[in-house]
Protein backbone atom coordinates (compact mmCIF):
# COMPACT_ATOMS: atom_id res chain seq x y z
CA MET A 1 31.58 91.60 71.41
CA MET A 2 32.43 90.85 75.03
CA TYR A 3 35.53 93.02 74.80
CA ALA A 4 33.66 95.85 73.10
CA HIS A 5 31.03 95.79 75.84
CA TRP A 6 33.83 95.77 78.45
CA VAL A 7 35.59 98.76 76.88
CA ASN A 8 32.24 100.53 76.53
CA GLY A 9 31.41 99.85 80.18
CA SER A 10 28.18 98.07 79.22
CA HIS A 11 29.31 94.51 79.94
CA LYS A 12 27.40 94.32 83.23
CA ARG A 13 24.04 95.33 81.73
CA LYS A 14 21.42 92.66 82.29
CA ALA A 15 20.06 90.93 79.21
CA VAL A 16 17.64 88.18 78.27
CA PHE A 17 18.17 85.92 75.24
CA GLU A 18 15.89 83.19 73.92
CA GLY A 19 16.82 80.26 71.68
CA TYR A 20 14.27 78.89 69.22
CA PHE A 21 13.87 77.71 65.63
CA ARG A 22 11.64 79.11 62.92
CA LYS A 23 10.83 76.08 60.81
CA LEU A 24 10.23 72.42 61.62
CA PRO A 25 12.81 70.00 60.15
CA PHE A 26 12.04 67.29 57.58
CA GLY A 27 8.53 68.67 56.93
CA ASN A 28 7.59 67.12 60.26
CA GLY A 29 4.73 68.21 62.51
CA PHE A 30 6.93 68.52 65.60
CA ALA A 31 10.51 68.54 66.83
CA VAL A 32 12.00 66.78 69.86
CA PHE A 33 14.06 68.97 72.17
CA ALA A 34 17.44 67.54 73.13
CA GLY A 35 20.87 68.78 74.17
CA LEU A 36 20.07 70.10 77.64
CA GLU A 37 22.40 67.72 79.49
CA ARG A 38 25.38 68.87 77.45
CA ILE A 39 24.37 72.51 77.83
CA ALA A 40 24.14 72.10 81.60
CA ARG A 41 27.57 70.43 81.72
CA TYR A 42 29.05 73.17 79.57
CA ILE A 43 27.70 75.95 81.79
CA ARG A 44 28.94 74.15 84.91
CA ASP A 45 32.49 73.80 83.56
CA LEU A 46 32.76 77.13 81.74
CA ARG A 47 36.04 78.78 82.78
CA PHE A 48 39.00 80.53 81.18
CA THR A 49 42.33 78.87 81.99
CA GLU A 50 45.78 80.44 82.06
CA GLU A 51 46.43 78.72 78.72
CA ASP A 52 43.24 80.26 77.28
CA ILE A 53 44.33 83.70 78.43
CA ARG A 54 47.80 83.29 76.89
CA TYR A 55 46.19 82.39 73.57
CA LEU A 56 43.80 85.35 73.72
CA SER A 57 46.65 87.71 74.59
CA GLU A 58 48.32 86.82 71.28
CA GLN A 59 45.31 87.68 69.11
CA GLU A 60 45.08 90.71 66.83
CA GLU A 61 42.35 92.30 68.96
CA ASN A 62 45.10 93.26 71.44
CA TYR A 63 42.90 92.74 74.49
CA ALA A 64 43.63 94.88 77.53
CA PRO A 65 45.33 92.95 80.35
CA ALA A 66 42.59 94.03 82.77
CA PHE A 67 39.96 92.44 80.51
CA LEU A 68 41.90 89.19 80.33
CA GLU A 69 42.30 89.22 84.11
CA GLU A 70 38.55 89.56 84.45
CA LEU A 71 38.09 86.54 82.18
CA LEU A 72 40.25 84.49 84.55
CA GLN A 73 37.66 85.13 87.27
CA PHE A 74 34.71 84.36 85.00
CA HIS A 75 31.99 81.87 85.81
CA PHE A 76 28.36 81.92 84.75
CA GLN A 77 26.20 83.67 87.34
CA GLY A 78 22.93 84.01 85.45
CA ASN A 79 19.66 82.12 85.06
CA ILE A 80 18.73 79.51 82.48
CA HIS A 81 15.26 78.12 81.86
CA SER A 82 14.77 75.36 79.31
CA MET A 83 12.40 72.84 77.84
CA LYS A 84 12.94 69.35 79.23
CA GLU A 85 14.71 66.92 76.93
CA GLY A 86 12.23 64.76 75.08
CA ALA A 87 9.60 67.51 74.91
CA LEU A 88 7.73 68.03 71.67
CA VAL A 89 8.50 71.57 70.55
CA PHE A 90 7.39 73.88 67.77
CA PRO A 91 8.54 76.91 65.77
CA ASP A 92 8.96 80.35 67.29
CA GLU A 93 8.59 79.31 70.91
CA PRO A 94 11.45 79.71 73.39
CA LEU A 95 13.23 76.40 73.92
CA ILE A 96 15.82 77.94 76.20
CA ARG A 97 15.99 81.31 77.96
CA VAL A 98 19.23 82.81 79.25
CA GLU A 99 19.30 85.75 81.68
CA GLY A 100 22.47 87.38 82.90
CA THR A 101 24.91 90.13 82.08
CA ILE A 102 25.17 90.87 78.39
CA MET A 103 28.74 89.60 78.50
CA GLU A 104 27.97 86.16 79.91
CA ALA A 105 24.70 85.68 78.01
CA GLN A 106 26.46 86.52 74.74
CA LEU A 107 29.40 84.23 75.50
CA VAL A 108 27.29 81.06 75.77
CA GLU A 109 25.32 81.64 72.55
CA THR A 110 27.34 79.56 70.13
CA ALA A 111 27.76 76.55 72.39
CA ILE A 112 24.06 76.48 73.32
CA LEU A 113 23.01 76.66 69.68
CA ASN A 114 25.53 73.98 68.68
CA PHE A 115 24.32 71.49 71.29
CA MET A 116 20.62 72.32 70.92
CA ASN A 117 20.52 72.41 67.13
CA TYR A 118 22.32 69.12 66.51
CA GLN A 119 20.78 66.98 69.21
CA THR A 120 17.25 68.30 68.62
CA LEU A 121 17.66 67.51 64.92
CA ILE A 122 18.78 63.91 65.54
CA ALA A 123 16.16 63.25 68.24
CA THR A 124 13.50 64.51 65.83
CA LYS A 125 14.77 62.30 63.02
CA ALA A 126 14.82 59.30 65.37
CA SER A 127 11.28 59.96 66.57
CA ARG A 128 10.17 60.34 62.97
CA ILE A 129 11.65 56.92 62.13
CA LYS A 130 9.97 55.49 65.22
CA GLN A 131 6.61 56.73 63.93
CA VAL A 132 6.84 54.48 60.87
CA ALA A 133 8.16 51.42 62.73
CA PRO A 134 6.50 51.68 66.15
CA ASN A 135 6.65 47.98 66.99
CA ASP A 136 10.07 47.13 65.55
CA THR A 137 13.52 47.25 67.11
CA LEU A 138 15.60 50.24 66.04
CA LEU A 139 19.41 50.22 66.19
CA GLU A 140 21.57 53.34 65.78
CA PHE A 141 24.44 52.37 63.45
CA GLY A 142 25.83 55.79 62.49
CA THR A 143 29.21 56.15 64.18
CA ARG A 144 31.35 55.59 61.08
CA ARG A 145 29.47 58.21 59.07
CA ALA A 146 28.97 60.81 61.81
CA GLN A 147 30.60 64.22 61.58
CA GLU A 148 33.37 63.35 64.06
CA ALA A 149 33.37 61.58 67.42
CA ASP A 150 31.25 64.05 69.43
CA ALA A 151 28.48 63.84 66.86
CA ALA A 152 28.59 60.05 66.99
CA VAL A 153 28.36 59.88 70.78
CA TRP A 154 25.83 62.62 71.42
CA GLY A 155 23.88 61.68 68.29
CA ALA A 156 23.49 58.16 69.66
CA ARG A 157 22.09 59.66 72.86
CA ALA A 158 19.65 61.87 70.93
CA ALA A 159 18.52 58.87 68.87
CA TYR A 160 17.80 56.94 72.07
CA ILE A 161 15.68 59.84 73.37
CA GLY A 162 13.74 59.76 70.09
CA GLY A 163 12.84 56.09 70.47
CA PHE A 164 15.76 53.97 69.27
CA HIS A 165 16.49 50.90 71.35
CA ALA A 166 20.27 50.49 71.13
CA THR A 167 23.46 51.83 69.58
CA SER A 168 26.57 50.28 68.08
CA ASN A 169 28.66 53.01 69.78
CA MET A 170 30.22 51.48 72.88
CA LEU A 171 31.39 54.83 74.28
CA ALA A 172 27.84 56.20 74.12
CA GLY A 173 26.69 53.02 75.84
CA ARG A 174 29.19 53.51 78.64
CA MET A 175 28.61 57.25 79.05
CA PHE A 176 24.82 57.21 78.99
CA GLY A 177 23.74 53.65 79.78
CA ILE A 178 22.33 53.04 76.29
CA PRO A 179 22.03 49.33 75.38
CA THR A 180 24.68 48.36 72.81
CA LYS A 181 24.12 46.04 69.85
CA GLY A 182 26.13 45.19 66.79
CA THR A 183 27.11 42.50 64.30
CA HIS A 184 30.25 41.44 62.47
CA ALA A 185 31.39 43.05 59.23
CA HIS A 186 31.87 41.61 55.74
CA SER A 187 35.60 41.56 56.46
CA TRP A 188 35.00 38.88 59.12
CA VAL A 189 33.59 36.55 56.48
CA GLN A 190 36.26 37.48 53.95
CA SER A 191 39.05 36.66 56.41
CA PHE A 192 38.10 32.93 56.49
CA PRO A 193 38.54 30.27 53.80
CA SER A 194 34.75 29.90 53.57
CA GLU A 195 31.58 31.63 54.67
CA GLN A 196 30.51 28.58 56.68
CA GLU A 197 33.75 28.54 58.64
CA ALA A 198 33.37 32.27 59.35
CA PHE A 199 29.83 31.82 60.68
CA ASP A 200 30.70 28.79 62.79
CA ALA A 201 33.76 30.48 64.29
CA TYR A 202 31.76 33.55 65.23
CA ALA A 203 29.05 31.41 66.82
CA LYS A 204 31.60 29.47 68.89
CA VAL A 205 33.02 32.69 70.34
CA MET A 206 29.66 34.33 71.13
CA PRO A 207 27.03 31.59 71.17
CA ASP A 208 24.49 33.70 73.07
CA GLY A 209 24.63 36.73 70.81
CA VAL A 210 24.86 35.56 67.22
CA THR A 211 23.66 37.77 64.37
CA LEU A 212 25.15 36.74 61.04
CA LEU A 213 25.67 39.06 58.06
CA VAL A 214 24.53 36.93 55.13
CA ASP A 215 25.13 39.06 52.01
CA THR A 216 28.92 38.94 51.59
CA PHE A 217 28.66 36.63 48.54
CA ASP A 218 25.12 35.54 47.69
CA THR A 219 22.36 36.09 50.22
CA LEU A 220 19.93 33.34 49.26
CA ARG A 221 22.26 30.76 47.69
CA SER A 222 24.97 30.78 50.31
CA GLY A 223 24.47 33.29 53.11
CA VAL A 224 21.11 32.15 54.46
CA PRO A 225 21.79 28.38 53.96
CA HIS A 226 25.13 28.70 55.79
CA ALA A 227 23.44 30.69 58.58
CA ILE A 228 20.85 27.91 58.90
CA ASN A 229 23.65 25.37 59.31
CA THR A 230 25.20 27.48 62.05
CA ALA A 231 21.83 27.86 63.76
CA LYS A 232 21.39 24.08 63.77
CA MET A 233 24.86 23.70 65.28
CA LEU A 234 23.84 26.10 68.05
CA GLU A 235 20.58 24.23 68.63
CA ALA A 236 22.59 21.05 69.20
CA GLN A 237 24.35 22.94 72.01
CA GLY A 238 21.07 24.12 73.50
CA LYS A 239 21.56 27.65 72.11
CA ARG A 240 19.56 29.85 69.77
CA MET A 241 20.83 32.16 67.05
CA ASN A 242 19.48 35.69 67.36
CA ALA A 243 19.22 36.93 63.80
CA ILE A 244 20.60 37.30 60.31
CA ARG A 245 21.39 40.68 58.80
CA LEU A 246 20.73 41.91 55.27
CA ASP A 247 22.84 44.84 54.12
CA SER A 248 22.35 45.03 50.35
CA GLY A 249 20.05 44.15 47.50
CA ASP A 250 16.26 44.22 47.35
CA LEU A 251 15.55 44.12 51.07
CA ALA A 252 11.84 43.48 50.67
CA TYR A 253 12.29 40.45 48.41
CA LEU A 254 15.35 39.07 50.19
CA SER A 255 13.74 39.37 53.62
CA ARG A 256 10.60 37.53 52.50
CA GLN A 257 12.62 34.76 50.92
CA ALA A 258 14.97 34.51 53.90
CA ARG A 259 11.99 34.38 56.27
CA LYS A 260 10.53 31.51 54.26
CA MET A 261 13.83 29.60 54.31
CA LEU A 262 14.31 30.11 58.04
CA ASP A 263 10.74 29.04 58.83
CA GLU A 264 11.00 25.93 56.67
CA ALA A 265 14.17 25.03 58.60
CA GLY A 266 12.28 25.31 61.89
CA LEU A 267 14.00 28.57 62.79
CA ASP A 268 10.97 30.82 63.14
CA TYR A 269 12.59 32.41 66.21
CA VAL A 270 15.53 33.80 64.19
CA LYS A 271 14.93 37.49 63.49
CA ILE A 272 15.87 39.47 60.40
CA VAL A 273 17.87 42.68 60.72
CA ALA A 274 18.18 45.10 57.80
CA SER A 275 20.60 47.95 57.20
CA ASN A 276 21.89 49.83 54.10
CA ASP A 277 21.19 53.59 54.06
CA LEU A 278 17.78 53.31 55.67
CA ASP A 279 15.60 56.20 56.74
CA GLU A 280 11.93 56.70 57.54
CA ASN A 281 10.96 56.88 53.88
CA THR A 282 12.77 53.67 52.93
CA ILE A 283 11.43 51.83 55.98
CA MET A 284 7.87 52.95 55.24
CA ASN A 285 8.20 51.77 51.64
CA LEU A 286 9.67 48.42 52.67
CA LYS A 287 6.88 47.85 55.17
CA SER A 288 4.31 48.62 52.46
CA GLN A 289 5.94 45.79 50.45
CA ASP A 290 5.49 43.37 53.38
CA ALA A 291 9.20 43.14 54.07
CA ALA A 292 9.82 40.48 56.72
CA ILE A 293 12.15 42.67 58.77
CA ASP A 294 12.07 42.78 62.56
CA THR A 295 14.97 45.13 63.32
CA TRP A 296 16.25 48.17 61.47
CA GLY A 297 19.88 49.33 61.67
CA VAL A 298 19.84 53.01 60.72
CA GLY A 299 23.14 54.81 60.26
CA THR A 300 24.12 57.57 57.85
CA GLN A 301 20.67 59.00 57.21
CA LEU A 302 19.99 59.32 60.94
CA ILE A 303 23.30 60.47 62.41
CA THR A 304 23.87 63.11 59.70
CA ALA A 305 20.18 63.99 59.23
CA SER A 306 21.15 63.93 55.58
CA ASP A 307 17.89 65.28 54.18
CA GLN A 308 18.17 68.36 56.44
CA PRO A 309 21.58 68.57 58.10
CA SER A 310 20.88 71.63 60.28
CA LEU A 311 17.97 72.81 62.41
CA GLY A 312 18.53 76.53 61.98
CA GLY A 313 17.93 77.44 65.61
CA VAL A 314 18.64 81.08 66.56
CA TYR A 315 19.43 82.96 69.76
CA LYS A 316 17.91 86.43 70.00
CA LEU A 317 18.08 89.29 72.46
CA VAL A 318 14.56 89.94 73.80
CA GLU A 319 15.25 92.29 76.74
CA ILE A 320 18.06 94.63 77.75
CA GLU A 321 18.63 96.74 80.85
CA SER A 322 18.30 100.50 80.31
CA PRO A 323 20.68 103.03 81.92
CA THR A 324 18.01 103.55 84.62
CA GLY A 325 17.91 99.82 85.47
CA GLU A 326 14.60 99.08 83.74
CA MET A 327 14.36 95.99 81.53
CA ILE A 328 13.36 97.10 78.03
CA PRO A 329 11.88 94.67 75.45
CA THR A 330 13.81 94.48 72.19
CA ILE A 331 12.79 93.35 68.73
CA LYS A 332 14.64 92.34 65.56
CA ILE A 333 12.98 93.71 62.45
CA SER A 334 13.53 92.03 59.09
CA SER A 335 12.30 92.32 55.53
CA ASN A 336 11.58 88.60 55.90
CA PRO A 337 8.44 88.52 58.11
CA GLU A 338 9.32 85.13 59.58
CA LYS A 339 12.56 86.60 60.95
CA VAL A 340 10.88 89.31 63.00
CA SER A 341 11.51 88.34 66.62
CA THR A 342 8.97 88.42 69.43
CA PRO A 343 10.04 90.91 72.13
CA GLY A 344 10.16 90.43 75.86
CA LYS A 345 11.03 87.65 78.28
CA LYS A 346 8.44 84.90 77.85
CA ASP A 347 7.09 81.69 79.30
CA VAL A 348 5.57 78.77 77.38
CA PHE A 349 2.55 76.72 78.46
CA ARG A 350 1.09 73.62 76.86
CA ILE A 351 -2.69 73.94 76.94
CA VAL A 352 -4.27 70.51 77.44
CA GLY A 353 -8.01 69.99 77.07
CA THR A 354 -10.32 67.91 79.23
CA ASN A 355 -9.78 64.97 76.85
CA GLY A 356 -6.08 64.90 77.79
CA LYS A 357 -4.93 66.12 74.38
CA ALA A 358 -2.86 69.23 73.64
CA LEU A 359 -4.83 72.12 72.14
CA ALA A 360 -2.05 74.65 71.64
CA ASP A 361 1.11 76.13 73.08
CA TYR A 362 0.61 79.53 74.69
CA ILE A 363 3.37 82.13 75.00
CA SER A 364 2.92 84.83 77.64
CA PHE A 365 4.92 87.21 79.81
CA PRO A 366 5.91 85.98 83.29
CA ASP A 367 3.75 88.62 84.98
CA GLU A 368 0.55 87.60 83.20
CA GLU A 369 -2.02 85.74 85.27
CA LYS A 370 -3.44 83.82 82.33
CA PRO A 371 -3.15 80.90 81.82
CA ARG A 372 -1.78 80.21 85.30
CA ASN A 373 -5.12 80.88 86.97
CA GLY A 374 -7.19 78.90 84.49
CA ALA A 375 -8.98 81.99 83.13
CA ARG A 376 -10.59 81.93 79.70
CA LEU A 377 -7.98 82.01 76.94
CA LYS A 378 -8.18 83.52 73.51
CA LEU A 379 -6.17 81.47 71.05
CA PHE A 380 -5.44 83.10 67.71
CA ASN A 381 -3.09 82.50 64.84
CA PRO A 382 -0.28 85.13 65.02
CA LEU A 383 -0.06 85.23 61.21
CA HIS A 384 -3.83 85.32 60.71
CA PRO A 385 -5.39 86.85 63.86
CA TYR A 386 -8.96 86.43 62.55
CA MET A 387 -8.47 82.67 63.03
CA LYS A 388 -9.31 82.40 66.73
CA LYS A 389 -11.07 80.36 69.38
CA HIS A 390 -11.64 80.54 73.13
CA VAL A 391 -11.01 77.80 75.67
CA ASP A 392 -12.41 77.71 79.19
CA ARG A 393 -11.54 74.34 80.65
CA TYR A 394 -7.94 73.28 80.33
CA GLU A 395 -4.72 72.44 82.13
CA ALA A 396 -1.75 74.73 81.51
CA LEU A 397 1.52 72.80 81.69
CA PRO A 398 4.58 75.06 82.16
CA MET A 399 7.19 73.98 79.64
CA LEU A 400 10.27 75.97 80.70
CA GLU A 401 12.07 74.51 83.72
CA PRO A 402 14.57 76.46 85.85
CA ILE A 403 18.01 74.92 85.20
CA TYR A 404 20.41 77.52 86.63
CA ILE A 405 19.49 80.26 89.10
CA ASN A 406 22.13 82.85 89.96
CA GLY A 407 24.79 80.56 88.54
CA PHE A 408 23.78 77.50 90.56
CA GLN A 409 22.32 74.41 88.94
CA VAL A 410 18.90 73.78 90.50
CA TYR A 411 17.70 71.15 88.05
CA LYS A 412 18.58 67.52 88.63
CA LEU A 413 19.43 66.04 85.26
CA PRO A 414 17.21 62.97 84.77
CA GLU A 415 18.38 59.53 83.77
CA LEU A 416 18.22 58.84 80.06
CA ASP A 417 15.43 56.29 80.42
CA GLU A 418 13.37 58.88 82.29
CA ILE A 419 13.86 61.33 79.40
CA ARG A 420 12.82 58.61 76.97
CA ARG A 421 9.63 57.93 78.96
CA TYR A 422 8.89 61.66 79.09
CA HIS A 423 9.15 61.80 75.30
CA GLU A 424 6.64 58.95 75.03
CA GLU A 425 4.30 60.81 77.40
CA GLN A 426 4.66 63.90 75.25
CA LEU A 427 3.68 61.96 72.14
CA ASP A 428 0.58 60.69 73.95
CA LEU A 429 -0.58 64.29 74.42
CA PHE A 430 -1.03 64.79 70.68
CA TRP A 431 -3.58 63.51 68.21
CA PRO A 432 -2.12 61.34 65.40
CA GLU A 433 -2.70 64.01 62.76
CA TYR A 434 0.03 66.15 64.35
CA LEU A 435 2.46 63.23 64.44
CA ARG A 436 2.05 61.71 61.00
CA LYS A 437 5.03 61.74 58.66
CA LEU A 438 3.30 63.14 55.58
CA ASN A 439 1.39 66.43 55.59
CA PRO A 440 0.96 66.69 59.34
CA GLU A 441 -1.65 69.03 60.77
CA VAL A 442 -0.13 72.32 61.96
CA TYR A 443 -0.10 72.60 65.74
CA ARG A 444 -1.07 76.00 67.17
CA VAL A 445 1.56 78.15 68.85
CA ASN A 446 -0.28 81.19 70.21
CA LEU A 447 0.84 84.49 71.65
CA SER A 448 -1.01 86.08 74.53
CA GLU A 449 -2.76 89.31 73.64
CA LYS A 450 -0.19 91.26 75.68
CA VAL A 451 2.72 89.66 73.79
CA TRP A 452 0.98 90.24 70.47
CA ASP A 453 0.17 93.89 71.28
CA LEU A 454 3.76 94.62 72.35
CA LYS A 455 5.14 93.08 69.17
CA GLN A 456 2.81 95.15 66.98
CA LYS A 457 3.63 98.30 68.97
CA LEU A 458 7.38 97.90 68.52
CA ILE A 459 7.00 97.11 64.81
CA THR A 460 4.88 100.23 64.37
CA GLU A 461 7.38 102.38 66.29
CA HIS A 462 10.24 101.10 64.16
CA LEU A 463 8.36 101.76 60.91
CA GLN A 464 7.46 105.25 62.14
CA GLN A 465 11.12 105.99 62.83
CA ASP A 466 11.98 104.88 59.30
CA LEU A 467 9.36 107.25 57.88
CA GLU A 468 10.67 110.14 59.94
CA GLN A 469 14.20 109.52 58.69
CA GLU A 470 13.19 109.53 55.03
C-alpha cells in the first residue's frame, strides 16, 4: 500500500486513523488498556536499515530504487494520542489515534494492533482474576505456555498492570522492575533419594525463601508431613518457611486438610499456594468451597487468554486530506451494523458525576466546546437514541494523551508501579455492577450530537449513491 501510494503520488496526503475494539473480551464489563510503552518504543526506533532495503529490493513487487531510497530516510513525523496504560476502556471508543501522512500512518498499523491487542487482552484477564481474589496474592506463572518469549515477557508486564503481584519470569522482572517469585519443580524432588531429603536440601540453600511443592507423590500422606519436618528444622535455625504449593488434585479439599495439618503443627504462618490451570472461574469456585489458599499461581489460562485468545482490535481511517488540503471525514460501511465505523477525528472524555463515579464516556470532535466547558450534556445510546438523559454537573476527564507530536515523544512513560496505581484509581471510578465478573452492567459510551449527525449523514449519502447506481 505504501508503494502504491508512492507511485500514485498520494503518499504525502495527511490521514487520521483510530484504533479500537468492538466487543469486550471474556464477557467482561470493561477492558484494561495496555501496550503503550511498547508502541512508543517501536515508533521511536522505527527505521529501515540497509539490510531491510536489500531484502525489499529482492521482492516480487519490484520496488523502484527511488522508493527504497526514500524508505532509508524514513522516520515517523506524525502525531499519536493514546489512552494511558491501566485505563478502563470500552467498545467503539478510540484507544489510540494516529495522524500523519497516509504512508507513515498505514505503516504502523500492524505493530500498533499487535502490541495493543495482546497486552490489553492479558491486562484485562489479570484484572478480571483480581476481581475474584482481591485480597489474595497473585503470581503470574505463564512463561512456559506463552506463545513465544515476547508474549511471556510483555504478558507478565500486562498481568502486573492488571493487579498481579509478581511473576516467575526473571527477564520481565529485570526489564520492568516486577517482583519475581517462584518455587521448585517436581523434578527437584524426583532427583533426590527421598522427598524429605529434597525438601531439606532446598531449605538449606534458600532458608529465607522456602516454598515447597508437596504433591509429587502423595500430598497429605507424605508431602505435607515432610514439609512440616522441614519447617521445624528451619524454626530450630530461627527461620520460617514461607509456604507449601499444591499443583494437582482437589485443591479445595487438599488445601483445607493441609491448613489443618499445618495449624496443628504450630505452623499457622505457613501459607498455601495453589496452581494447576487456574483462571477466574476456577478461583471463584474454589473460594466458594472455602479453599484455604492464600496465593494463586496462574499460568496458561492467563498468559494465553485461552477462553478468548484475541481482542479483535481494529485500526480504521477516519479522516483523509482532500486534493484542496481539507481534511474530509471517512466512514466504513458494512452489512454488519457493528462494523460501521464512526467518521472524523475524535476525542474521548470520561464523564464523572458529583459522587465521584463515572457516568459515561463521551466521544466528540476536537473543535466541540462540550464537554470541555461543562455545558449541559445529552447522553444517548447510539444504538437506541430514544434512551437518553441529560447531565449538568460533572467533571470531564480527557482520556487521550498526546504521546508523539510532529515525530517527537512528548509523553514521559510512567514507571510500572505508577501505571498499576492508575489502574486502581480507574477501578475506583466505577460502581461494582460494571466490574462484576458475571453479567456486568453495560457502561455507556456516548457520541456527541455532532458526531452522531455526521455518521448518519455519511451513511445516508452512501445509501443514496447505491440507489442511484441501481
